[in-house]
PDB file of N, CA and C in Angstrom:
ATOM      1  N   UNK A   1       0.804  -1.032   0.191  1.00  0.00           N
ATOM      2  CA  UNK A   1      -0.174  -0.730  -0.083  1.00  0.00           C
ATOM      3  C   UNK A   1       0.459   1.606  -0.117  1.00  0.00           C
ATOM      4  N   UNK A   2       2.357   1.791   0.858  1.00  0.00           N
ATOM      5  CA  UNK A   2       2.834   2.555   0.621  1.00  0.00           C
ATOM      6  C   UNK A   2       3.551   2.692  -1.331  1.00  0.00           C
ATOM      7  N   UNK A   3       3.507   1.767  -1.313  1.00  0.00           N
ATOM      8  CA  UNK A   3       3.516   1.691  -3.016  1.00  0.00           C
ATOM      9  C   UNK A   3       2.530   2.893  -3.857  1.00  0.00           C
ATOM     10  N   UNK A   4       1.021   2.449  -3.256  1.00  0.00           N
ATOM     11  CA  UNK A   4      -0.037   2.891  -3.723  1.00  0.00           C
ATOM     12  C   UNK A   4      -0.146   4.593  -3.154  1.00  0.00           C
ATOM     13  N   UNK A   5       0.222   4.498  -2.033  1.00  0.00           N
ATOM     14  CA  UNK A   5       0.513   5.864  -1.208  1.00  0.00           C
ATOM     15  C   UNK A   5       1.640   7.171  -2.075  1.00  0.00           C
ATOM     16  N   UNK A   6       2.655   6.147  -2.905  1.00  0.00           N
ATOM     17  CA  UNK A   6       3.640   6.797  -3.239  1.00  0.00           C
ATOM     18  C   UNK A   6       3.248   7.586  -4.497  1.00  0.00           C
ATOM     19  N   UNK A   7       2.161   6.935  -5.674  1.00  0.00           N
ATOM     20  CA  UNK A   7       2.071   7.451  -6.000  1.00  0.00           C
ATOM     21  C   UNK A   7       0.923   8.536  -6.501  1.00  0.00           C
ATOM     22  N   UNK A   8       0.630   8.677  -4.924  1.00  0.00           N
ATOM     23  CA  UNK A   8      -0.632   9.566  -5.227  1.00  0.00           C
ATOM     24  C   UNK A   8       0.326  10.994  -5.239  1.00  0.00           C
ATOM     25  N   UNK A   9      -0.817  12.627  -5.712  1.00  0.00           N
ATOM     26  CA  UNK A   9      -0.246  13.454  -5.016  1.00  0.00           C
ATOM     27  C   UNK A   9       0.520  14.066  -3.919  1.00  0.00           C
ATOM     28  N   UNK A  10       1.439  14.732  -3.658  1.00  0.00           N
ATOM     29  CA  UNK A  10       2.155  15.372  -2.553  1.00  0.00           C
ATOM     30  C   UNK A  10       0.469  16.020  -1.423  1.00  0.00           C
ATOM     31  N   UNK A  11      -0.183  16.261  -1.912  1.00  0.00           N
ATOM     32  CA  UNK A  11      -0.922  17.426  -1.139  1.00  0.00           C
ATOM     33  C   UNK A  11      -2.496  16.220  -1.008  1.00  0.00           C
ATOM     34  N   UNK A  12      -2.791  14.977  -1.775  1.00  0.00           N
ATOM     35  CA  UNK A  12      -3.285  14.184  -1.211  1.00  0.00           C
ATOM     36  C   UNK A  12      -2.820  12.607  -0.033  1.00  0.00           C
ATOM     37  N   UNK A  13      -1.822  13.406  -0.860  1.00  0.00           N
ATOM     38  CA  UNK A  13      -0.545  12.686   0.674  1.00  0.00           C
ATOM     39  C   UNK A  13      -0.641  12.878   1.906  1.00  0.00           C
ATOM     40  N   UNK A  14      -0.949  14.370   1.284  1.00  0.00           N
ATOM     41  CA  UNK A  14      -0.726  15.256   3.185  1.00  0.00           C
ATOM     42  C   UNK A  14      -2.222  14.957   3.815  1.00  0.00           C
ATOM     43  N   UNK A  15      -3.106  14.914   2.507  1.00  0.00           N
ATOM     44  CA  UNK A  15      -4.440  14.415   3.347  1.00  0.00           C
ATOM     45  C   UNK A  15      -4.792  13.936   4.062  1.00  0.00           C
ATOM     46  N   UNK A  16      -4.225  12.485   3.730  1.00  0.00           N
ATOM     47  CA  UNK A  16      -5.009  11.292   4.417  1.00  0.00           C
ATOM     48  C   UNK A  16      -3.879  11.586   5.591  1.00  0.00           C
ATOM     49  N   UNK A  17      -2.588  11.749   4.895  1.00  0.00           N
ATOM     50  CA  UNK A  17      -1.565  11.868   7.014  1.00  0.00           C
ATOM     51  C   UNK A  17      -2.919  12.475   7.427  1.00  0.00           C
ATOM     52  N   UNK A  18      -3.566  13.103   7.190  1.00  0.00           N
ATOM     53  CA  UNK A  18      -3.954  14.343   8.323  1.00  0.00           C
ATOM     54  C   UNK A  18      -5.346  13.922   8.797  1.00  0.00           C
ATOM     55  N   UNK A  19      -5.426  13.191   7.324  1.00  0.00           N
ATOM     56  CA  UNK A  19      -7.210  12.236   8.003  1.00  0.00           C
ATOM     57  C   UNK A  19      -6.857  10.869   8.719  1.00  0.00           C
ATOM     58  N   UNK A  20      -5.582  10.421   9.301  1.00  0.00           N
ATOM     59  CA  UNK A  20      -5.804   9.571  10.018  1.00  0.00           C
ATOM     60  C   UNK A  20      -5.412  10.432  10.942  1.00  0.00           C
ATOM     61  N   UNK A  21      -4.047  11.679  11.364  1.00  0.00           N
ATOM     62  CA  UNK A  21      -3.895  11.662  12.365  1.00  0.00           C
ATOM     63  C   UNK A  21      -5.734  12.656  13.767  1.00  0.00           C
ATOM     64  N   UNK A  22      -6.154  12.864  12.470  1.00  0.00           N
ATOM     65  CA  UNK A  22      -8.047  13.327  12.585  1.00  0.00           C
ATOM     66  C   UNK A  22      -8.940  11.909  14.004  1.00  0.00           C
ATOM     67  N   UNK A  23      -8.471  11.020  12.642  1.00  0.00           N
ATOM     68  CA  UNK A  23      -9.063  10.068  13.872  1.00  0.00           C
ATOM     69  C   UNK A  23      -8.169   9.688  14.505  1.00  0.00           C
ATOM     70  N   UNK A  24      -6.929   9.758  15.114  1.00  0.00           N
ATOM     71  CA  UNK A  24      -6.053   8.998  16.251  1.00  0.00           C
ATOM     72  C   UNK A  24      -6.549  10.155  16.594  1.00  0.00           C
ATOM     73  N   UNK A  25      -7.064  11.647  16.368  1.00  0.00           N
ATOM     74  CA  UNK A  25      -7.574  12.194  17.650  1.00  0.00           C
ATOM     75  C   UNK A  25      -8.637  12.076  17.866  1.00  0.00           C
ATOM     76  N   UNK A  26      -9.021  11.921  17.092  1.00  0.00           N
ATOM     77  CA  UNK A  26     -11.022  11.250  17.941  1.00  0.00           C
ATOM     78  C   UNK A  26     -11.544  11.119  18.649  1.00  0.00           C
ATOM     79  N   UNK A  27      -9.984   9.471  18.363  1.00  0.00           N
ATOM     80  CA  UNK A  27     -10.525   8.593  19.172  1.00  0.00           C
ATOM     81  C   UNK A  27      -9.999   8.348  20.476  1.00  0.00           C
ATOM     82  N   UNK A  28      -9.337   9.088  20.650  1.00  0.00           N
ATOM     83  CA  UNK A  28      -8.422   9.475  22.359  1.00  0.00           C
ATOM     84  C   UNK A  28      -9.908  10.165  22.967  1.00  0.00           C
ATOM     85  N   UNK A  29     -10.062  11.583  22.211  1.00  0.00           N
ATOM     86  CA  UNK A  29     -10.997  11.676  23.007  1.00  0.00           C
ATOM     87  C   UNK A  29     -12.842  11.225  23.440  1.00  0.00           C
ATOM     88  N   UNK A  30     -12.295  10.809  22.420  1.00  0.00           N
ATOM     89  CA  UNK A  30     -13.923   9.516  22.383  1.00  0.00           C
ATOM     90  C   UNK A  30     -13.444   8.619  23.803  1.00  0.00           C
ATOM     91  N   UNK A  31     -12.012   8.829  24.065  1.00  0.00           N
ATOM     92  CA  UNK A  31     -11.095   7.625  25.111  1.00  0.00           C
ATOM     93  C   UNK A  31     -11.764   8.448  26.549  1.00  0.00           C
ATOM     94  N   UNK A  32     -11.221   9.656  26.373  1.00  0.00           N
ATOM     95  CA  UNK A  32     -11.437  10.774  27.599  1.00  0.00           C
ATOM     96  C   UNK A  32     -12.990  10.861  28.122  1.00  0.00           C
ATOM     97  N   UNK A  33     -13.634  11.217  26.799  1.00  0.00           N
ATOM     98  CA  UNK A  33     -15.248  11.620  26.728  1.00  0.00           C
ATOM     99  C   UNK A  33     -15.413  10.276  28.238  1.00  0.00           C
ATOM    100  N   UNK A  34     -15.180   9.484  27.640  1.00  0.00           N
ATOM    101  CA  UNK A  34     -16.240   8.021  28.439  1.00  0.00           C
ATOM    102  C   UNK A  34     -15.304   7.362  29.902  1.00  0.00           C
ATOM    103  N   UNK A  35     -14.295   8.099  29.834  1.00  0.00           N
ATOM    104  CA  UNK A  35     -13.101   7.862  30.934  1.00  0.00           C
ATOM    105  C   UNK A  35     -13.898   9.162  31.643  1.00  0.00           C
ATOM    106  N   UNK A  36     -14.961  10.779  32.074  1.00  0.00           N
ATOM    107  CA  UNK A  36     -14.737  11.527  32.224  1.00  0.00           C
ATOM    108  C   UNK A  36     -16.305  11.498  32.578  1.00  0.00           C
ATOM    109  N   UNK A  37     -17.313  10.678  31.339  1.00  0.00           N
ATOM    110  CA  UNK A  37     -18.491   9.698  32.349  1.00  0.00           C
ATOM    111  C   UNK A  37     -18.720   9.202  32.785  1.00  0.00           C
ATOM    112  N   UNK A  38     -17.843   7.363  33.071  1.00  0.00           N
ATOM    113  CA  UNK A  38     -17.729   7.350  34.105  1.00  0.00           C
ATOM    114  C   UNK A  38     -17.317   7.754  35.326  1.00  0.00           C
ATOM    115  N   UNK A  39     -15.710   8.527  36.048  1.00  0.00           N
ATOM    116  CA  UNK A  39     -16.197   9.597  36.498  1.00  0.00           C
ATOM    117  C   UNK A  39     -17.125  10.235  36.889  1.00  0.00           C
ATOM    118  N   UNK A  40     -18.140  10.483  36.663  1.00  0.00           N
ATOM    119  CA  UNK A  40     -19.006  11.489  36.790  1.00  0.00           C
ATOM    120  C   UNK A  40     -19.942  10.585  37.302  1.00  0.00           C
ATOM    121  N   UNK A  41     -20.351   9.776  36.625  1.00  0.00           N
ATOM    122  CA  UNK A  41     -21.536   8.492  36.608  1.00  0.00           C
ATOM    123  C   UNK A  41     -21.342   8.118  38.250  1.00  0.00           C
ATOM    124  N   UNK A  42     -19.873   7.475  39.271  1.00  0.00           N
ATOM    125  CA  UNK A  42     -19.105   7.499  40.320  1.00  0.00           C
ATOM    126  C   UNK A  42     -19.718   8.065  41.276  1.00  0.00           C
ATOM    127  N   UNK A  43     -19.389   9.528  40.787  1.00  0.00           N
ATOM    128  CA  UNK A  43     -19.229  10.304  41.931  1.00  0.00           C
ATOM    129  C   UNK A  43     -21.090  10.655  42.100  1.00  0.00           C
ATOM    130  N   UNK A  44     -21.953  10.211  40.889  1.00  0.00           N
ATOM    131  CA  UNK A  44     -23.228  11.177  41.023  1.00  0.00           C
ATOM    132  C   UNK A  44     -24.189  10.153  42.629  1.00  0.00           C
ATOM    133  N   UNK A  45     -23.414   8.423  41.565  1.00  0.00           N
ATOM    134  CA  UNK A  45     -23.493   7.687  42.926  1.00  0.00           C
ATOM    135  C   UNK A  45     -22.914   7.314  44.234  1.00  0.00           C
ATOM    136  N   UNK A  46     -21.848   7.822  44.516  1.00  0.00           N
ATOM    137  CA  UNK A  46     -21.147   8.847  46.112  1.00  0.00           C
ATOM    138  C   UNK A  46     -22.038   9.332  46.276  1.00  0.00           C
ATOM    139  N   UNK A  47     -22.373  10.779  45.665  1.00  0.00           N
ATOM    140  CA  UNK A  47     -23.622  11.494  46.867  1.00  0.00           C
ATOM    141  C   UNK A  47     -24.447  10.994  46.767  1.00  0.00           C
ATOM    142  N   UNK A  48     -25.439  10.299  46.269  1.00  0.00           N
ATOM    143  CA  UNK A  48     -26.108   9.550  46.506  1.00  0.00           C
ATOM    144  C   UNK A  48     -26.248   8.850  47.731  1.00  0.00           C
ATOM    145  N   UNK A  49     -25.681   7.980  47.932  1.00  0.00           N
ATOM    146  CA  UNK A  49     -24.972   7.016  49.008  1.00  0.00           C
ATOM    147  C   UNK A  49     -24.845   7.914  50.457  1.00  0.00           C
ATOM    148  N   UNK A  50     -24.245   9.494  50.325  1.00  0.00           N
ATOM    149  CA  UNK A  50     -23.803   9.646  51.064  1.00  0.00           C
ATOM    150  C   UNK A  50     -25.172  10.639  51.798  1.00  0.00           C
ATOM    151  N   UNK A  51     -25.684  10.896  50.544  1.00  0.00           N
ATOM    152  CA  UNK A  51     -27.350  11.955  51.394  1.00  0.00           C
ATOM    153  C   UNK A  51     -27.692  10.463  52.430  1.00  0.00           C
ATOM    154  N   UNK A  52     -28.233   8.847  51.798  1.00  0.00           N
ATOM    155  CA  UNK A  52     -29.005   8.339  52.373  1.00  0.00           C
ATOM    156  C   UNK A  52     -28.581   8.031  54.435  1.00  0.00           C
ATOM    157  N   UNK A  53     -26.691   8.387  53.988  1.00  0.00           N
ATOM    158  CA  UNK A  53     -25.948   8.120  55.310  1.00  0.00           C
ATOM    159  C   UNK A  53     -26.112   9.157  57.134  1.00  0.00           C
ATOM    160  N   UNK A  54     -26.482   8.873  57.872  1.00  0.00           N
ATOM    161  CA  UNK A  54     -26.241  10.244  58.671  1.00  0.00           C
ATOM    162  C   UNK A  54     -25.549  11.317  58.386  1.00  0.00           C
ATOM    163  N   UNK A  55     -26.110  12.294  59.462  1.00  0.00           N
ATOM    164  CA  UNK A  55     -24.881  13.431  59.209  1.00  0.00           C
ATOM    165  C   UNK A  55     -23.407  12.690  60.186  1.00  0.00           C
ATOM    166  N   UNK A  56     -24.095  12.350  61.498  1.00  0.00           N
ATOM    167  CA  UNK A  56     -23.039  12.257  61.966  1.00  0.00           C
ATOM    168  C   UNK A  56     -22.097  10.371  61.949  1.00  0.00           C
ATOM    169  N   UNK A  57     -22.315  10.114  61.111  1.00  0.00           N
ATOM    170  CA  UNK A  57     -22.069   8.764  60.425  1.00  0.00           C
ATOM    171  C   UNK A  57     -20.553   9.063  59.756  1.00  0.00           C
ATOM    172  N   UNK A  58     -19.480   7.631  60.509  1.00  0.00           N
ATOM    173  CA  UNK A  58     -17.925   8.006  60.108  1.00  0.00           C
ATOM    174  C   UNK A  58     -17.787   7.635  58.301  1.00  0.00           C
ATOM    175  N   UNK A  59     -17.289   8.429  57.985  1.00  0.00           N
ATOM    176  CA  UNK A  59     -16.627   8.607  56.624  1.00  0.00           C
ATOM    177  C   UNK A  59     -15.473   7.910  56.573  1.00  0.00           C
ATOM    178  N   UNK A  60     -15.423   7.452  54.708  1.00  0.00           N
ATOM    179  CA  UNK A  60     -13.877   7.530  55.056  1.00  0.00           C
ATOM    180  C   UNK A  60     -13.267   7.429  53.353  1.00  0.00           C
ATOM    181  N   UNK A  61     -12.235   8.289  52.799  1.00  0.00           N
ATOM    182  CA  UNK A  61     -12.551   8.414  51.666  1.00  0.00           C
ATOM    183  C   UNK A  61     -10.935   7.970  51.880  1.00  0.00           C
ATOM    184  N   UNK A  62     -10.915   7.364  49.691  1.00  0.00           N
ATOM    185  CA  UNK A  62      -9.662   7.112  49.408  1.00  0.00           C
ATOM    186  C   UNK A  62      -8.089   8.591  49.343  1.00  0.00           C
ATOM    187  N   UNK A  63      -7.151   7.730  49.431  1.00  0.00           N
ATOM    188  CA  UNK A  63      -5.896   9.063  49.385  1.00  0.00           C
ATOM    189  C   UNK A  63      -4.813   8.272  49.673  1.00  0.00           C
ATOM    190  N   UNK A  64      -4.826   8.034  47.932  1.00  0.00           N
ATOM    191  CA  UNK A  64      -3.589   6.660  47.290  1.00  0.00           C
ATOM    192  C   UNK A  64      -4.440   5.619  47.665  1.00  0.00           C
ATOM    193  N   UNK A  65      -3.457   4.673  48.608  1.00  0.00           N
ATOM    194  CA  UNK A  65      -3.955   3.500  48.826  1.00  0.00           C
ATOM    195  C   UNK A  65      -4.055   3.491  50.370  1.00  0.00           C
ATOM    196  N   UNK A  66      -4.542   4.279  50.973  1.00  0.00           N
ATOM    197  CA  UNK A  66      -4.927   4.870  51.920  1.00  0.00           C
ATOM    198  C   UNK A  66      -7.220   4.878  52.413  1.00  0.00           C
ATOM    199  N   UNK A  67      -7.302   4.688  53.542  1.00  0.00           N
ATOM    200  CA  UNK A  67      -8.288   5.038  53.915  1.00  0.00           C
ATOM    201  C   UNK A  67      -8.234   6.038  54.479  1.00  0.00           C
ATOM    202  N   UNK A  68      -9.019   7.051  54.725  1.00  0.00           N
ATOM    203  CA  UNK A  68      -8.381   7.839  55.552  1.00  0.00           C
ATOM    204  C   UNK A  68     -10.240   8.012  56.301  1.00  0.00           C
ATOM    205  N   UNK A  69      -9.972   8.855  57.556  1.00  0.00           N
ATOM    206  CA  UNK A  69     -11.459   9.456  58.093  1.00  0.00           C
ATOM    207  C   UNK A  69     -11.788  10.736  58.125  1.00  0.00           C
ATOM    208  N   UNK A  70     -13.368  11.232  57.669  1.00  0.00           N
ATOM    209  CA  UNK A  70     -13.101  12.638  56.960  1.00  0.00           C
ATOM    210  C   UNK A  70     -14.393  12.905  56.950  1.00  0.00           C
ATOM    211  N   UNK A  71     -15.029  14.905  56.899  1.00  0.00           N
ATOM    212  CA  UNK A  71     -16.201  14.417  57.849  1.00  0.00           C
ATOM    213  C   UNK A  71     -16.906  14.433  56.218  1.00  0.00           C
ATOM    214  N   UNK A  72     -17.817  13.923  56.426  1.00  0.00           N
ATOM    215  CA  UNK A  72     -19.527  14.208  55.565  1.00  0.00           C
ATOM    216  C   UNK A  72     -19.182  15.096  54.727  1.00  0.00           C
ATOM    217  N   UNK A  73     -19.373  16.223  55.130  1.00  0.00           N
ATOM    218  CA  UNK A  73     -19.410  17.639  54.764  1.00  0.00           C
ATOM    219  C   UNK A  73     -18.436  17.710  53.834  1.00  0.00           C
ATOM    220  N   UNK A  74     -17.835  18.050  54.281  1.00  0.00           N
ATOM    221  CA  UNK A  74     -16.393  18.273  53.439  1.00  0.00           C
ATOM    222  C   UNK A  74     -16.164  16.802  51.897  1.00  0.00           C
ATOM    223  N   UNK A  75     -16.563  15.497  52.445  1.00  0.00           N
ATOM    224  CA  UNK A  75     -16.787  14.854  51.309  1.00  0.00           C
ATOM    225  C   UNK A  75     -17.227  15.652  50.193  1.00  0.00           C
ATOM    226  N   UNK A  76     -18.823  15.487  50.232  1.00  0.00           N
ATOM    227  CA  UNK A  76     -19.186  16.223  49.266  1.00  0.00           C
ATOM    228  C   UNK A  76     -19.301  17.170  49.046  1.00  0.00           C
ATOM    229  N   UNK A  77     -18.476  18.243  49.368  1.00  0.00           N
ATOM    230  CA  UNK A  77     -18.623  19.581  49.090  1.00  0.00           C
ATOM    231  C   UNK A  77     -17.238  19.387  47.840  1.00  0.00           C
ATOM    232  N   UNK A  78     -16.567  18.009  48.188  1.00  0.00           N
ATOM    233  CA  UNK A  78     -15.119  17.305  46.717  1.00  0.00           C
ATOM    234  C   UNK A  78     -15.131  17.124  46.192  1.00  0.00           C
ATOM    235  N   UNK A  79     -16.779  16.043  46.289  1.00  0.00           N
ATOM    236  CA  UNK A  79     -16.960  15.827  44.719  1.00  0.00           C
ATOM    237  C   UNK A  79     -17.872  16.065  44.453  1.00  0.00           C
ATOM    238  N   UNK A  80     -18.857  17.543  45.018  1.00  0.00           N
ATOM    239  CA  UNK A  80     -18.734  18.769  43.924  1.00  0.00           C
ATOM    240  C   UNK A  80     -18.222  19.598  43.226  1.00  0.00           C
ATOM    241  N   UNK A  81     -17.369  19.567  43.698  1.00  0.00           N
ATOM    242  CA  UNK A  81     -16.668  20.600  43.210  1.00  0.00           C
ATOM    243  C   UNK A  81     -15.726  19.135  42.568  1.00  0.00           C
ATOM    244  N   UNK A  82     -16.147  18.605  42.455  1.00  0.00           N
ATOM    245  CA  UNK A  82     -14.686  17.562  40.797  1.00  0.00           C
ATOM    246  C   UNK A  82     -15.744  17.714  40.361  1.00  0.00           C
ATOM    247  N   UNK A  83     -17.720  16.535  40.563  1.00  0.00           N
ATOM    248  CA  UNK A  83     -18.352  16.875  39.496  1.00  0.00           C
ATOM    249  C   UNK A  83     -18.113  18.020  38.542  1.00  0.00           C
ATOM    250  N   UNK A  84     -18.598  19.304  39.116  1.00  0.00           N
ATOM    251  CA  UNK A  84     -18.132  20.153  38.305  1.00  0.00           C
ATOM    252  C   UNK A  84     -17.307  20.837  37.355  1.00  0.00           C
ATOM    253  N   UNK A  85     -16.030  20.501  37.829  1.00  0.00           N
ATOM    254  CA  UNK A  85     -15.057  20.468  37.147  1.00  0.00           C
ATOM    255  C   UNK A  85     -14.607  18.934  36.299  1.00  0.00           C
ATOM    256  N   UNK A  86     -15.536  17.736  36.588  1.00  0.00           N
ATOM    257  CA  UNK A  86     -16.137  17.165  35.044  1.00  0.00           C
ATOM    258  C   UNK A  86     -16.476  17.606  33.980  1.00  0.00           C
ATOM    259  N   UNK A  87     -18.040  18.254  34.286  1.00  0.00           N
ATOM    260  CA  UNK A  87     -18.888  18.769  34.156  1.00  0.00           C
ATOM    261  C   UNK A  87     -18.341  19.553  33.097  1.00  0.00           C
ATOM    262  N   UNK A  88     -17.404  20.763  33.529  1.00  0.00           N
ATOM    263  CA  UNK A  88     -16.530  21.772  32.115  1.00  0.00           C
ATOM    264  C   UNK A  88     -15.995  20.872  31.061  1.00  0.00           C
ATOM    265  N   UNK A  89     -15.262  19.572  32.046  1.00  0.00           N
ATOM    266  CA  UNK A  89     -14.296  19.253  31.079  1.00  0.00           C
ATOM    267  C   UNK A  89     -15.019  18.326  29.935  1.00  0.00           C
ATOM    268  N   UNK A  90     -16.727  17.355  30.254  1.00  0.00           N
ATOM    269  CA  UNK A  90     -17.346  17.302  29.483  1.00  0.00           C
ATOM    270  C   UNK A  90     -17.268  17.635  27.748  1.00  0.00           C
ATOM    271  N   UNK A  91     -17.790  19.114  28.687  1.00  0.00           N
ATOM    272  CA  UNK A  91     -18.489  20.228  27.735  1.00  0.00           C
ATOM    273  C   UNK A  91     -17.404  20.176  27.124  1.00  0.00           C
ATOM    274  N   UNK A  92     -16.279  20.764  27.053  1.00  0.00           N
ATOM    275  CA  UNK A  92     -14.849  20.946  26.602  1.00  0.00           C
ATOM    276  C   UNK A  92     -14.952  19.568  25.201  1.00  0.00           C
ATOM    277  N   UNK A  93     -15.061  18.721  25.682  1.00  0.00           N
ATOM    278  CA  UNK A  93     -14.215  17.523  25.250  1.00  0.00           C
ATOM    279  C   UNK A  93     -15.398  17.309  24.442  1.00  0.00           C
ATOM    280  N   UNK A  94     -16.642  17.508  24.644  1.00  0.00           N
ATOM    281  CA  UNK A  94     -17.886  17.765  23.498  1.00  0.00           C
ATOM    282  C   UNK A  94     -17.696  17.962  21.960  1.00  0.00           C
ATOM    283  N   UNK A  95     -17.378  19.331  22.320  1.00  0.00           N
ATOM    284  CA  UNK A  95     -16.531  20.762  21.885  1.00  0.00           C
ATOM    285  C   UNK A  95     -15.914  20.648  20.967  1.00  0.00           C
ATOM    286  N   UNK A  96     -14.433  19.078  21.031  1.00  0.00           N
ATOM    287  CA  UNK A  96     -13.608  18.896  20.623  1.00  0.00           C
ATOM    288  C   UNK A  96     -14.079  17.526  19.701  1.00  0.00           C
ATOM    289  N   UNK A  97     -14.907  16.872  20.320  1.00  0.00           N
ATOM    290  CA  UNK A  97     -15.442  15.855  19.600  1.00  0.00           C
ATOM    291  C   UNK A  97     -16.293  16.490  18.178  1.00  0.00           C
ATOM    292  N   UNK A  98     -17.096  17.363  18.262  1.00  0.00           N
ATOM    293  CA  UNK A  98     -17.143  18.708  17.281  1.00  0.00           C
ATOM    294  C   UNK A  98     -16.931  18.878  16.299  1.00  0.00           C
ATOM    295  N   UNK A  99     -15.793  19.555  16.686  1.00  0.00           N
ATOM    296  CA  UNK A  99     -15.114  20.099  16.017  1.00  0.00           C
ATOM    297  C   UNK A  99     -13.783  19.363  15.146  1.00  0.00           C
ATOM    298  N   UNK A 100     -13.203  18.188  15.623  1.00  0.00           N
ATOM    299  CA  UNK A 100     -12.638  17.318  14.659  1.00  0.00           C
ATOM    300  C   UNK A 100     -13.383  16.198  13.879  1.00  0.00           C
ATOM    301  N   UNK A 101     -14.580  16.020  14.476  1.00  0.00           N
ATOM    302  CA  UNK A 101     -15.842  15.644  13.332  1.00  0.00           C
ATOM    303  C   UNK A 101     -15.975  16.781  12.181  1.00  0.00           C
ATOM    304  N   UNK A 102     -16.213  17.382  12.426  1.00  0.00           N
ATOM    305  CA  UNK A 102     -16.135  18.205  11.564  1.00  0.00           C
ATOM    306  C   UNK A 102     -15.352  18.258  10.542  1.00  0.00           C
ATOM    307  N   UNK A 103     -13.708  18.423  10.919  1.00  0.00           N
ATOM    308  CA  UNK A 103     -12.392  18.769  10.080  1.00  0.00           C
ATOM    309  C   UNK A 103     -13.252  17.592   9.591  1.00  0.00           C
ATOM    310  N   UNK A 104     -13.530  15.770   9.536  1.00  0.00           N
ATOM    311  CA  UNK A 104     -12.786  14.786   8.952  1.00  0.00           C
ATOM    312  C   UNK A 104     -13.775  14.481   7.612  1.00  0.00           C
ATOM    313  N   UNK A 105     -15.027  15.140   7.654  1.00  0.00           N
ATOM    314  CA  UNK A 105     -16.013  15.603   7.272  1.00  0.00           C
ATOM    315  C   UNK A 105     -15.241  16.348   5.971  1.00  0.00           C
ATOM    316  N   UNK A 106     -15.068  16.968   6.472  1.00  0.00           N
ATOM    317  CA  UNK A 106     -14.050  18.325   5.368  1.00  0.00           C
ATOM    318  C   UNK A 106     -13.177  17.686   4.449  1.00  0.00           C
ATOM    319  N   UNK A 107     -12.599  17.321   5.739  1.00  0.00           N
ATOM    320  CA  UNK A 107     -11.349  16.236   5.021  1.00  0.00           C
ATOM    321  C   UNK A 107     -11.942  15.102   3.954  1.00  0.00           C
ATOM    322  N   UNK A 108     -12.804  14.372   4.682  1.00  0.00           N
ATOM    323  CA  UNK A 108     -13.605  12.584   3.709  1.00  0.00           C
ATOM    324  C   UNK A 108     -12.983  13.689   2.285  1.00  0.00           C
ATOM    325  N   UNK A 109     -14.524  15.188   2.308  1.00  0.00           N
ATOM    326  CA  UNK A 109     -14.552  14.890   0.880  1.00  0.00           C
ATOM    327  C   UNK A 109     -13.696  15.863   0.110  1.00  0.00           C
ATOM    328  N   UNK A 110     -12.904  16.547   0.816  1.00  0.00           N
ATOM    329  CA  UNK A 110     -11.996  16.176  -0.454  1.00  0.00           C
ATOM    330  C   UNK A 110     -11.254  15.194  -0.573  1.00  0.00           C
ATOM    331  N   UNK A 111     -11.169  14.193  -0.494  1.00  0.00           N
ATOM    332  CA  UNK A 111     -10.410  13.454  -0.461  1.00  0.00           C
ATOM    333  C   UNK A 111     -10.879  12.430  -1.778  1.00  0.00           C
ATOM    334  N   UNK A 112     -12.201  12.287  -1.530  1.00  0.00           N
ATOM    335  CA  UNK A 112     -13.330  11.126  -2.604  1.00  0.00           C
ATOM    336  C   UNK A 112     -12.717  12.902  -3.628  1.00  0.00           C
ATOM    337  N   UNK A 113     -13.167  13.285  -2.764  1.00  0.00           N
ATOM    338  CA  UNK A 113     -12.583  14.893  -4.872  1.00  0.00           C
ATOM    339  C   UNK A 113     -11.666  14.432  -5.327  1.00  0.00           C
ATOM    340  N   UNK A 114     -10.523  14.762  -4.913  1.00  0.00           N
ATOM    341  CA  UNK A 114      -9.146  14.052  -5.013  1.00  0.00           C
ATOM    342  C   UNK A 114      -8.646  12.637  -5.841  1.00  0.00           C
ATOM    343  N   UNK A 115      -9.714  11.884  -5.248  1.00  0.00           N
ATOM    344  CA  UNK A 115      -9.522  10.324  -5.164  1.00  0.00           C
ATOM    345  C   UNK A 115     -10.509   9.610  -6.373  1.00  0.00           C
ATOM    346  N   UNK A 116     -11.902  10.787  -6.548  1.00  0.00           N
ATOM    347  CA  UNK A 116     -12.514   9.868  -7.588  1.00  0.00           C
ATOM    348  C   UNK A 116     -11.820  10.332  -9.141  1.00  0.00           C
ATOM    349  N   UNK A 117     -12.416   8.996  -9.999  1.00  0.00           N
ATOM    350  CA  UNK A 117     -12.133   9.230 -11.728  1.00  0.00           C
ATOM    351  C   UNK A 117     -11.808   9.983 -12.566  1.00  0.00           C
ATOM    352  N   UNK A 118     -13.412  11.291 -11.745  1.00  0.00           N
ATOM    353  CA  UNK A 118     -13.671  12.544 -12.495  1.00  0.00           C
ATOM    354  C   UNK A 118     -12.522  13.343 -12.798  1.00  0.00           C
ATOM    355  N   UNK A 119     -11.144  13.438 -11.370  1.00  0.00           N
ATOM    356  CA  UNK A 119     -10.820  14.269 -11.374  1.00  0.00           C
ATOM    357  C   UNK A 119      -9.497  13.622 -11.476  1.00  0.00           C
ATOM    358  N   UNK A 120      -9.310  13.009 -12.552  1.00  0.00           N
ATOM    359  CA  UNK A 120      -8.153  13.150 -13.087  1.00  0.00           C
ATOM    360  C   UNK A 120      -6.436  14.448 -13.189  1.00  0.00           C
ATOM    361  N   UNK A 121      -7.437  14.992 -13.210  1.00  0.00           N
ATOM    362  CA  UNK A 121      -6.687  16.576 -14.072  1.00  0.00           C
ATOM    363  C   UNK A 121      -6.141  16.631 -13.290  1.00  0.00           C
ATOM    364  N   UNK A 122      -4.993  17.534 -13.556  1.00  0.00           N
ATOM    365  CA  UNK A 122      -3.396  17.526 -12.474  1.00  0.00           C
ATOM    366  C   UNK A 122      -3.374  18.264 -11.664  1.00  0.00           C
ATOM    367  N   UNK A 123      -3.334  19.084 -10.434  1.00  0.00           N
ATOM    368  CA  UNK A 123      -3.443  20.199  -9.914  1.00  0.00           C
ATOM    369  C   UNK A 123      -2.612  20.376  -9.256  1.00  0.00           C
ATOM    370  N   UNK A 124      -2.143  21.829  -9.979  1.00  0.00           N
ATOM    371  CA  UNK A 124      -0.549  22.953 -10.038  1.00  0.00           C
ATOM    372  C   UNK A 124      -0.481  23.437  -8.376  1.00  0.00           C
ATOM    373  N   UNK A 125      -0.126  23.017  -8.079  1.00  0.00           N
ATOM    374  CA  UNK A 125       0.032  24.204  -6.202  1.00  0.00           C
ATOM    375  C   UNK A 125       1.362  25.244  -6.775  1.00  0.00           C
TER     376      UNK A 125
END
């Protein structure tokens, strides 16, 4: 396939490379979105469980590989702040995904035009 790629005009080769880069970037963004979504869901579940506990209940939170005693209100505050941060991150990732998908669509359209049999006229740059 490398031989076939080298027969293409340099502009088309660059577009194909850019397409691969965008696809990899999109994959990375989707993985990050999934991780953020999972963490946000976990926080929601934790907050729901904390609401069920008594205010004077003994709460432990993780600190690395340790469990440490913590105040319920402090844990709720920390989790709520983390959830807000994750919400912002979700928004940013959604915008990035939208932008990358748009770029991919435009690039695919350009490549289809470049590679279609009717556009065999040489392009000069």
